Amino acid sequence: PPTTNARGEVWHEFVAVIPREGKYCGQPCAVCNVVGCPMHGRIFHQKNLATHARPRGGGVRSSVFSRQHDAAYNAFVAAFSAGEASAPEVQRQIAETLPPPPPGAEEGEAR
């Protein structure tokens, strides 16, 4: 579900896209919009979204990316929904607290 700040601005965890090229060309996909998630900006096929943000099943989560995504998502939602800062402002604040990305990390890869 979308998250709203005090000014009524809406933010979404994922942004829908239909790639024009690559592995998922013409198929329903989404881009992770959570700053601080190691997969931020990467394209996910619709079938992979449930295991990126919230793994299936009730047990222990097996994906490191999922735990990091959930932690980053919770930090963003807490900061965004508590005040009047815009989504880009909150994303910038969170990005300033993150360590630099590892060498060779590329954004936009399909998962």
C-alpha atoms as a PDB file:
ATOM      1  CA  PRO A   1       0.000   0.000   0.000  1.00  0.00           C
ATOM      2  CA  PRO A   2       1.137   3.571  -0.569  1.00  0.00           C
ATOM      3  CA  THR A   3       2.587   5.646   2.270  1.00  0.00           C
ATOM      4  CA  THR A   4       1.479   9.262   2.815  1.00  0.00           C
ATOM      5  CA  ASN A   5       3.206  12.104   4.655  1.00  0.00           C
ATOM      6  CA  ALA A   6       1.571  14.958   6.608  1.00  0.00           C
ATOM      7  CA  ARG A   7       1.200  17.065   3.423  1.00  0.00           C
ATOM      8  CA  GLY A   8      -0.629  14.260   1.618  1.00  0.00           C
ATOM      9  CA  GLU A   9       2.271  13.338  -0.684  1.00  0.00           C
ATOM     10  CA  VAL A  10       2.126   9.660  -1.654  1.00  0.00           C
ATOM     11  CA  TRP A  11       5.145   7.328  -1.957  1.00  0.00           C
ATOM     12  CA  HIS A  12       5.220   3.742  -3.255  1.00  0.00           C
ATOM     13  CA  GLU A  13       7.625   0.962  -2.273  1.00  0.00           C
ATOM     14  CA  PHE A  14       7.728  -0.225  -5.897  1.00  0.00           C
ATOM     15  CA  VAL A  15       7.203   1.635  -9.176  1.00  0.00           C
ATOM     16  CA  ALA A  16       5.551  -0.314 -12.008  1.00  0.00           C
ATOM     17  CA  VAL A  17       7.443  -0.577 -15.303  1.00  0.00           C
ATOM     18  CA  ILE A  18       7.247  -2.556 -18.513  1.00  0.00           C
ATOM     19  CA  PRO A  19      10.795  -2.849 -19.890  1.00  0.00           C
ATOM     20  CA  ARG A  20      11.289  -2.188 -23.613  1.00  0.00           C
ATOM     21  CA  GLU A  21      14.363  -4.429 -23.824  1.00  0.00           C
ATOM     22  CA  GLY A  22      16.177  -7.164 -21.958  1.00  0.00           C
ATOM     23  CA  LYS A  23      15.127 -10.359 -20.257  1.00  0.00           C
ATOM     24  CA  TYR A  24      11.673  -9.118 -19.214  1.00  0.00           C
ATOM     25  CA  CYS A  25      10.873  -7.025 -22.302  1.00  0.00           C
ATOM     26  CA  GLY A  26       7.136  -6.305 -22.480  1.00  0.00           C
ATOM     27  CA  GLN A  27       6.375  -8.099 -19.199  1.00  0.00           C
ATOM     28  CA  PRO A  28       4.955  -6.606 -15.970  1.00  0.00           C
ATOM     29  CA  CYS A  29       7.805  -5.556 -13.692  1.00  0.00           C
ATOM     30  CA  ALA A  30       8.576  -3.087 -10.922  1.00  0.00           C
ATOM     31  CA  VAL A  31      11.557  -1.095  -9.689  1.00  0.00           C
ATOM     32  CA  CYS A  32      12.499  -1.164  -5.988  1.00  0.00           C
ATOM     33  CA  ASN A  33      12.053   2.412  -4.724  1.00  0.00           C
ATOM     34  CA  VAL A  34      13.499   1.867  -1.213  1.00  0.00           C
ATOM     35  CA  VAL A  35      16.712   3.832  -0.606  1.00  0.00           C
ATOM     36  CA  GLY A  36      19.044   1.732   1.517  1.00  0.00           C
ATOM     37  CA  CYS A  37      17.925  -1.547   0.000  1.00  0.00           C
ATOM     38  CA  PRO A  38      20.811  -3.242  -1.826  1.00  0.00           C
ATOM     39  CA  MET A  39      18.436  -3.802  -4.753  1.00  0.00           C
ATOM     40  CA  HIS A  40      17.259  -0.154  -4.937  1.00  0.00           C
ATOM     41  CA  GLY A  41      16.668   0.844  -8.542  1.00  0.00           C
ATOM     42  CA  ARG A  42      16.758  -2.714  -9.849  1.00  0.00           C
ATOM     43  CA  ILE A  43      14.023  -4.205 -11.990  1.00  0.00           C
ATOM     44  CA  PHE A  44      12.044  -7.169 -10.670  1.00  0.00           C
ATOM     45  CA  HIS A  45       9.645  -9.326 -12.639  1.00  0.00           C
ATOM     46  CA  GLN A  46       6.190  -9.383 -11.062  1.00  0.00           C
ATOM     47  CA  LYS A  47       6.670 -13.021  -9.980  1.00  0.00           C
ATOM     48  CA  ASN A  48       9.762 -12.087  -7.914  1.00  0.00           C
ATOM     49  CA  LEU A  49       8.325  -9.157  -5.937  1.00  0.00           C
ATOM     50  CA  ALA A  50       6.893 -11.262  -3.101  1.00  0.00           C
ATOM     51  CA  THR A  51      10.270 -12.804  -2.322  1.00  0.00           C
ATOM     52  CA  HIS A  52      12.145  -9.496  -2.500  1.00  0.00           C
ATOM     53  CA  ALA A  53      10.166  -7.468   0.003  1.00  0.00           C
ATOM     54  CA  ARG A  54       8.233 -10.074   1.964  1.00  0.00           C
ATOM     55  CA  PRO A  55       9.272 -13.695   1.470  1.00  0.00           C
ATOM     56  CA  ARG A  56       6.519 -16.298   1.174  1.00  0.00           C
ATOM     57  CA  GLY A  57       5.739 -18.572   4.092  1.00  0.00           C
ATOM     58  CA  GLY A  58       5.649 -17.897   7.784  1.00  0.00           C
ATOM     59  CA  GLY A  59       9.099 -19.001   8.916  1.00  0.00           C
ATOM     60  CA  VAL A  60      12.471 -17.328   9.128  1.00  0.00           C
ATOM     61  CA  ARG A  61      13.388 -15.181   6.161  1.00  0.00           C
ATOM     62  CA  SER A  62      16.111 -16.749   4.093  1.00  0.00           C
ATOM     63  CA  SER A  63      17.145 -13.773   1.966  1.00  0.00           C
ATOM     64  CA  VAL A  64      19.607 -11.174   3.210  1.00  0.00           C
ATOM     65  CA  PHE A  65      18.198  -8.733   0.679  1.00  0.00           C
ATOM     66  CA  SER A  66      14.715  -9.157   2.126  1.00  0.00           C
ATOM     67  CA  ARG A  67      15.857  -8.285   5.651  1.00  0.00           C
ATOM     68  CA  GLN A  68      17.779  -5.278   4.383  1.00  0.00           C
ATOM     69  CA  HIS A  69      14.827  -4.199   2.256  1.00  0.00           C
ATOM     70  CA  ASP A  70      12.446  -4.459   5.197  1.00  0.00           C
ATOM     71  CA  ALA A  71      14.796  -2.508   7.480  1.00  0.00           C
ATOM     72  CA  ALA A  72      15.304   0.232   4.874  1.00  0.00           C
ATOM     73  CA  TYR A  73      11.570   0.332   4.120  1.00  0.00           C
ATOM     74  CA  ASN A  74      10.693   0.684   7.810  1.00  0.00           C
ATOM     75  CA  ALA A  75      13.259   3.487   8.273  1.00  0.00           C
ATOM     76  CA  PHE A  76      11.884   5.373   5.259  1.00  0.00           C
ATOM     77  CA  VAL A  77       8.239   4.974   6.261  1.00  0.00           C
ATOM     78  CA  ALA A  78       8.962   6.126   9.829  1.00  0.00           C
ATOM     79  CA  ALA A  79      10.720   9.285   8.619  1.00  0.00           C
ATOM     80  CA  PHE A  80       8.359  10.044   5.718  1.00  0.00           C
ATOM     81  CA  SER A  81       5.033   9.493   7.442  1.00  0.00           C
ATOM     82  CA  ALA A  82       6.056  11.371  10.608  1.00  0.00           C
ATOM     83  CA  GLY A  83       6.531  14.771   9.000  1.00  0.00           C
ATOM     84  CA  GLU A  84       6.145  17.047   6.020  1.00  0.00           C
ATOM     85  CA  ALA A  85       9.418  16.260   4.245  1.00  0.00           C
ATOM     86  CA  SER A  86       8.991  15.154   0.634  1.00  0.00           C
ATOM     87  CA  ALA A  87       9.984  11.677  -0.505  1.00  0.00           C
ATOM     88  CA  PRO A  88      13.156  12.947  -2.253  1.00  0.00           C
ATOM     89  CA  GLU A  89      14.167  14.848   0.913  1.00  0.00           C
ATOM     90  CA  VAL A  90      13.744  11.759   3.094  1.00  0.00           C
ATOM     91  CA  GLN A  91      15.527   9.592   0.520  1.00  0.00           C
ATOM     92  CA  ARG A  92      18.434  12.070   0.489  1.00  0.00           C
ATOM     93  CA  GLN A  93      18.597  12.067   4.318  1.00  0.00           C
ATOM     94  CA  ILE A  94      18.678   8.270   4.416  1.00  0.00           C
ATOM     95  CA  ALA A  95      21.209   8.043   1.575  1.00  0.00           C
ATOM     96  CA  GLU A  96      23.577  10.341   3.492  1.00  0.00           C
ATOM     97  CA  THR A  97      23.691   7.837   6.354  1.00  0.00           C
ATOM     98  CA  LEU A  98      24.470   4.814   4.152  1.00  0.00           C
ATOM     99  CA  PRO A  99      27.921   3.377   3.495  1.00  0.00           C
ATOM    100  CA  PRO A 100      29.146   3.714  -0.100  1.00  0.00           C
ATOM    101  CA  PRO A 101      28.049   0.950  -2.505  1.00  0.00           C
ATOM    102  CA  PRO A 102      30.505  -1.884  -3.101  1.00  0.00           C
ATOM    103  CA  PRO A 103      32.747  -1.559  -6.169  1.00  0.00           C
ATOM    104  CA  GLY A 104      31.088  -2.818  -9.333  1.00  0.00           C
ATOM    105  CA  ALA A 105      27.532  -2.541  -7.996  1.00  0.00           C
ATOM    106  CA  GLU A 106      25.281  -1.772 -10.940  1.00  0.00           C
ATOM    107  CA  GLU A 107      21.689  -0.550 -10.839  1.00  0.00           C
ATOM    108  CA  GLY A 108      18.948  -1.532 -13.250  1.00  0.00           C
ATOM    109  CA  GLU A 109      19.740  -5.230 -13.527  1.00  0.00           C
ATOM    110  CA  ALA A 110      16.730  -7.525 -13.906  1.00  0.00           C
ATOM    111  CA  ARG A 111      16.071  -9.984 -11.078  1.00  0.00           C
END
